[in-house]
C-alpha atoms as a PDB file:
ATOM      1  CA  MET A   1      49.918   7.295   0.565  1.00  0.00           C
ATOM      2  CA  ILE A   2      49.205   6.132   4.099  1.00  0.00           C
ATOM      3  CA  ARG A   3      48.394   9.652   5.236  1.00  0.00           C
ATOM      4  CA  PHE A   4      45.303   9.562   2.840  1.00  0.00           C
ATOM      5  CA  ALA A   5      44.437   5.955   3.388  1.00  0.00           C
ATOM      6  CA  VAL A   6      43.841   6.275   7.221  1.00  0.00           C
ATOM      7  CA  PRO A   7      41.378   8.862   7.222  1.00  0.00           C
ATOM      8  CA  LEU A   8      39.460   7.365   4.332  1.00  0.00           C
ATOM      9  CA  LEU A   9      39.167   4.328   6.167  1.00  0.00           C
ATOM     10  CA  VAL A  10      38.009   6.060   9.359  1.00  0.00           C
ATOM     11  CA  LEU A  11      35.359   7.831   7.139  1.00  0.00           C
ATOM     12  CA  ALA A  12      34.213   4.776   5.528  1.00  0.00           C
ATOM     13  CA  THR A  13      33.860   2.875   8.830  1.00  0.00           C
ATOM     14  CA  ALA A  14      31.848   5.722  10.386  1.00  0.00           C
ATOM     15  CA  ALA A  15      29.626   6.033   7.207  1.00  0.00           C
ATOM     16  CA  THR A  16      28.574   2.344   7.450  1.00  0.00           C
ATOM     17  CA  GLY A  17      28.078   2.557  11.182  1.00  0.00           C
ATOM     18  CA  PHE A  18      25.745   5.508  10.470  1.00  0.00           C
ATOM     19  CA  ALA A  19      23.770   3.864   7.763  1.00  0.00           C
ATOM     20  CA  SER A  20      23.141   0.693   9.994  1.00  0.00           C
ATOM     21  CA  GLU A  21      21.676   3.144  12.795  1.00  0.00           C
ATOM     22  CA  GLN A  22      19.192   4.751  10.343  1.00  0.00           C
ATOM     23  CA  LYS A  23      15.695   3.445  10.619  1.00  0.00           C
ATOM     24  CA  SER A  24      14.572   1.084   7.823  1.00  0.00           C
ATOM     25  CA  PRO A  25      11.603   2.141   5.797  1.00  0.00           C
ATOM     26  CA  ARG A  26       8.274   0.956   7.301  1.00  0.00           C
ATOM     27  CA  SER A  27       6.668  -2.050   6.053  1.00  0.00           C
ATOM     28  CA  ASP A  28       3.279  -2.293   4.438  1.00  0.00           C
ATOM     29  CA  GLU A  29       1.969  -4.041   7.754  1.00  0.00           C
ATOM     30  CA  ASP A  30       3.177  -0.709   9.713  1.00  0.00           C
ATOM     31  CA  LYS A  31       1.767   1.569   7.254  1.00  0.00           C
ATOM     32  CA  ILE A  32      -1.653  -0.095   7.418  1.00  0.00           C
ATOM     33  CA  ALA A  33      -1.707  -0.263  11.121  1.00  0.00           C
ATOM     34  CA  LEU A  34      -0.881   3.464  11.403  1.00  0.00           C
ATOM     35  CA  GLU A  35      -3.899   4.084   9.051  1.00  0.00           C
ATOM     36  CA  LEU A  36      -6.311   1.835  11.040  1.00  0.00           C
ATOM     37  CA  LYS A  37      -5.044   3.056  14.389  1.00  0.00           C
ATOM     38  CA  GLY A  38      -8.086   4.054  16.698  1.00  0.00           C
ATOM     39  CA  LEU A  39     -10.525   2.385  14.387  1.00  0.00           C
ATOM     40  CA  THR A  40     -12.733  -0.516  15.132  1.00  0.00           C
ATOM     41  CA  PRO A  41     -12.945  -3.404  12.751  1.00  0.00           C
ATOM     42  CA  GLY A  42     -16.657  -4.516  11.708  1.00  0.00           C
ATOM     43  CA  LYS A  43     -18.396  -7.451   9.781  1.00  0.00           C
ATOM     44  CA  PRO A  44     -16.971  -8.026   6.458  1.00  0.00           C
ATOM     45  CA  GLN A  45     -19.127  -7.219   3.484  1.00  0.00           C
ATOM     46  CA  ASN A  46     -19.051  -8.197  -0.177  1.00  0.00           C
ATOM     47  CA  CYS A  47     -19.476  -4.925  -1.905  1.00  0.00           C
ATOM     48  CA  VAL A  48     -19.070  -1.178  -1.075  1.00  0.00           C
ATOM     49  CA  ARG A  49     -20.635   1.733  -3.122  1.00  0.00           C
ATOM     50  CA  SER A  50     -17.941   3.314  -5.304  1.00  0.00           C
ATOM     51  CA  ASP A  51     -19.322   6.896  -5.051  1.00  0.00           C
ATOM     52  CA  ARG A  52     -18.791   6.922  -1.298  1.00  0.00           C
ATOM     53  CA  ILE A  53     -15.098   6.411  -1.759  1.00  0.00           C
ATOM     54  CA  THR A  54     -12.881   9.442  -1.385  1.00  0.00           C
ATOM     55  CA  GLN A  55      -9.452   8.056  -1.820  1.00  0.00           C
ATOM     56  CA  THR A  56      -7.489   4.624  -2.085  1.00  0.00           C
ATOM     57  CA  GLN A  57      -4.319   3.722  -0.767  1.00  0.00           C
ATOM     58  CA  GLY A  58      -2.646   0.583  -2.214  1.00  0.00           C
ATOM     59  CA  PHE A  59      -0.027  -1.821  -0.778  1.00  0.00           C
ATOM     60  CA  GLU A  60       1.364  -5.061  -2.397  1.00  0.00           C
ATOM     61  CA  LYS A  61      -1.504  -7.447  -0.959  1.00  0.00           C
ATOM     62  CA  GLU A  62      -4.067  -4.619   0.424  1.00  0.00           C
ATOM     63  CA  ILE A  63      -6.033  -1.928  -0.635  1.00  0.00           C
ATOM     64  CA  LEU A  64      -7.521   0.685   1.792  1.00  0.00           C
ATOM     65  CA  PHE A  65     -10.703   2.352   0.444  1.00  0.00           C
ATOM     66  CA  ILE A  66     -11.194   5.573   2.499  1.00  0.00           C
ATOM     67  CA  GLU A  67     -14.731   6.822   2.811  1.00  0.00           C
ATOM     68  CA  GLY A  68     -14.744  10.142   4.471  1.00  0.00           C
ATOM     69  CA  ARG A  69     -12.960  10.497   7.884  1.00  0.00           C
ATOM     70  CA  ASN A  70     -14.649   8.274   9.722  1.00  0.00           C
ATOM     71  CA  LYS A  71     -14.537   4.893   7.895  1.00  0.00           C
ATOM     72  CA  VAL A  72     -11.882   3.066   6.020  1.00  0.00           C
ATOM     73  CA  TRP A  73     -12.719  -0.461   4.062  1.00  0.00           C
ATOM     74  CA  ARG A  74      -9.621  -2.769   4.420  1.00  0.00           C
ATOM     75  CA  ASN A  75      -9.487  -5.182   1.365  1.00  0.00           C
ATOM     76  CA  ILE A  76      -7.175  -7.983   1.387  1.00  0.00           C
ATOM     77  CA  THR A  77      -6.580  -8.716  -2.387  1.00  0.00           C
ATOM     78  CA  ARG A  78      -6.441 -12.207  -3.804  1.00  0.00           C
ATOM     79  CA  GLY A  79      -3.178 -12.501  -5.757  1.00  0.00           C
ATOM     80  CA  SER A  80      -0.455  -9.833  -5.385  1.00  0.00           C
ATOM     81  CA  CYS A  81      -1.034  -6.242  -6.791  1.00  0.00           C
ATOM     82  CA  ALA A  82       2.749  -5.432  -6.421  1.00  0.00           C
ATOM     83  CA  GLY A  83       2.264  -2.407  -8.728  1.00  0.00           C
ATOM     84  CA  LEU A  84       0.211  -0.516  -6.113  1.00  0.00           C
ATOM     85  CA  LYS A  85       3.184  -0.624  -3.638  1.00  0.00           C
ATOM     86  CA  HIS A  86       5.209   1.427  -6.337  1.00  0.00           C
ATOM     87  CA  ASP A  87       2.518   3.952  -6.731  1.00  0.00           C
ATOM     88  CA  ASP A  88       1.198   2.555  -9.973  1.00  0.00           C
ATOM     89  CA  ILE A  89      -2.371   3.488 -11.313  1.00  0.00           C
ATOM     90  CA  PRO A  90      -4.915   1.165 -10.082  1.00  0.00           C
ATOM     91  CA  ILE A  91      -7.698   0.287 -12.786  1.00  0.00           C
ATOM     92  CA  PHE A  92     -10.825  -1.198 -11.365  1.00  0.00           C
ATOM     93  CA  ARG A  93     -13.003  -3.764 -13.349  1.00  0.00           C
ATOM     94  CA  THR A  94     -16.358  -3.217 -11.915  1.00  0.00           C
ATOM     95  CA  PHE A  95     -19.966  -4.082 -12.732  1.00  0.00           C
ATOM     96  CA  GLY A  96     -22.227  -1.392 -11.800  1.00  0.00           C
ATOM     97  CA  ARG A  97     -21.467   1.204  -9.010  1.00  0.00           C
ATOM     98  CA  GLN A  98     -19.906  -0.872  -6.468  1.00  0.00           C
ATOM     99  CA  TYR A  99     -16.729  -2.447  -5.742  1.00  0.00           C
ATOM    100  CA  CYS A 100     -17.273  -6.052  -5.082  1.00  0.00           C
ATOM    101  CA  SER A 101     -15.232  -9.021  -4.055  1.00  0.00           C
ATOM    102  CA  SER A 102     -13.904 -10.878  -7.046  1.00  0.00           C
ATOM    103  CA  ASP A 103     -13.726  -7.741  -9.320  1.00  0.00           C
ATOM    104  CA  LEU A 104     -10.362  -7.133 -10.973  1.00  0.00           C
ATOM    105  CA  VAL A 105      -7.680  -4.708 -10.467  1.00  0.00           C
ATOM    106  CA  HIS A 106      -5.022  -3.934 -12.987  1.00  0.00           C
ATOM    107  CA  THR A 107      -2.102  -1.819 -12.389  1.00  0.00           C
ATOM    108  CA  ARG A 108      -0.411   0.314 -15.015  1.00  0.00           C
ATOM    109  CA  SER A 109       2.894   2.219 -14.585  1.00  0.00           C
ATOM    110  CA  ARG A 110       2.607   5.956 -14.261  1.00  0.00           C
ATOM    111  CA  THR A 111       5.595   6.408 -16.835  1.00  0.00           C
ATOM    112  CA  GLY A 112       4.433   4.745 -20.134  1.00  0.00           C
ATOM    113  CA  GLY A 113       1.372   3.119 -19.014  1.00  0.00           C
ATOM    114  CA  MET A 114       2.780  -0.493 -19.233  1.00  0.00           C
ATOM    115  CA  MET A 115       0.599  -3.232 -17.380  1.00  0.00           C
ATOM    116  CA  THR A 116       2.524  -4.089 -14.162  1.00  0.00           C
ATOM    117  CA  GLY A 117       0.027  -6.554 -12.320  1.00  0.00           C
ATOM    118  CA  SER A 118      -3.404  -7.717 -11.624  1.00  0.00           C
ATOM    119  CA  CYS A 119      -5.094  -9.237  -8.775  1.00  0.00           C
ATOM    120  CA  SER A 120      -9.030  -9.463  -7.427  1.00  0.00           C
ATOM    121  CA  LEU A 121     -10.743  -7.956  -4.876  1.00  0.00           C
ATOM    122  CA  GLY A 122     -11.527  -9.898  -1.509  1.00  0.00           C
ATOM    123  CA  GLU A 123     -14.013  -9.089   1.271  1.00  0.00           C
ATOM    124  CA  PHE A 124     -14.313  -5.542   2.547  1.00  0.00           C
ATOM    125  CA  ILE A 125     -13.703  -5.105   6.199  1.00  0.00           C
ATOM    126  CA  PRO A 126     -15.010  -1.823   7.578  1.00  0.00           C
ATOM    127  CA  TYR A 127     -12.971   0.152  10.235  1.00  0.00           C
ATOM    128  CA  THR A 128     -15.025   3.053  11.909  1.00  0.00           C
ATOM    129  CA  LYS A 129     -14.374   5.372  14.806  1.00  0.00           C
END
């Protein structure tokens, strides 16, 4: 019995040491900093044209609106859109062809379509090369 217990104890100890050495997943701040690396912030604006946005990246308290290769609009939301962090689908409630501060964002689960949260947009800070 002891013959099996000692090797198992050694393996368990080694496994916990290995797990603690692994890097923890990047935080939202790290991911945002990586996305904005090399870009210069500009003057905040209240609205951006939705037809120029090619991609969005959602985080718990921020949304990055990507416009081509040279411009990213950073938006710090009012309230927490926690669903964006989990890759839920954002639904923007806009008026006209622009995203504006105070527009509502609702999030829905990709599986089942359940509403997972909502927040409103803040000011748009442009980051350019």
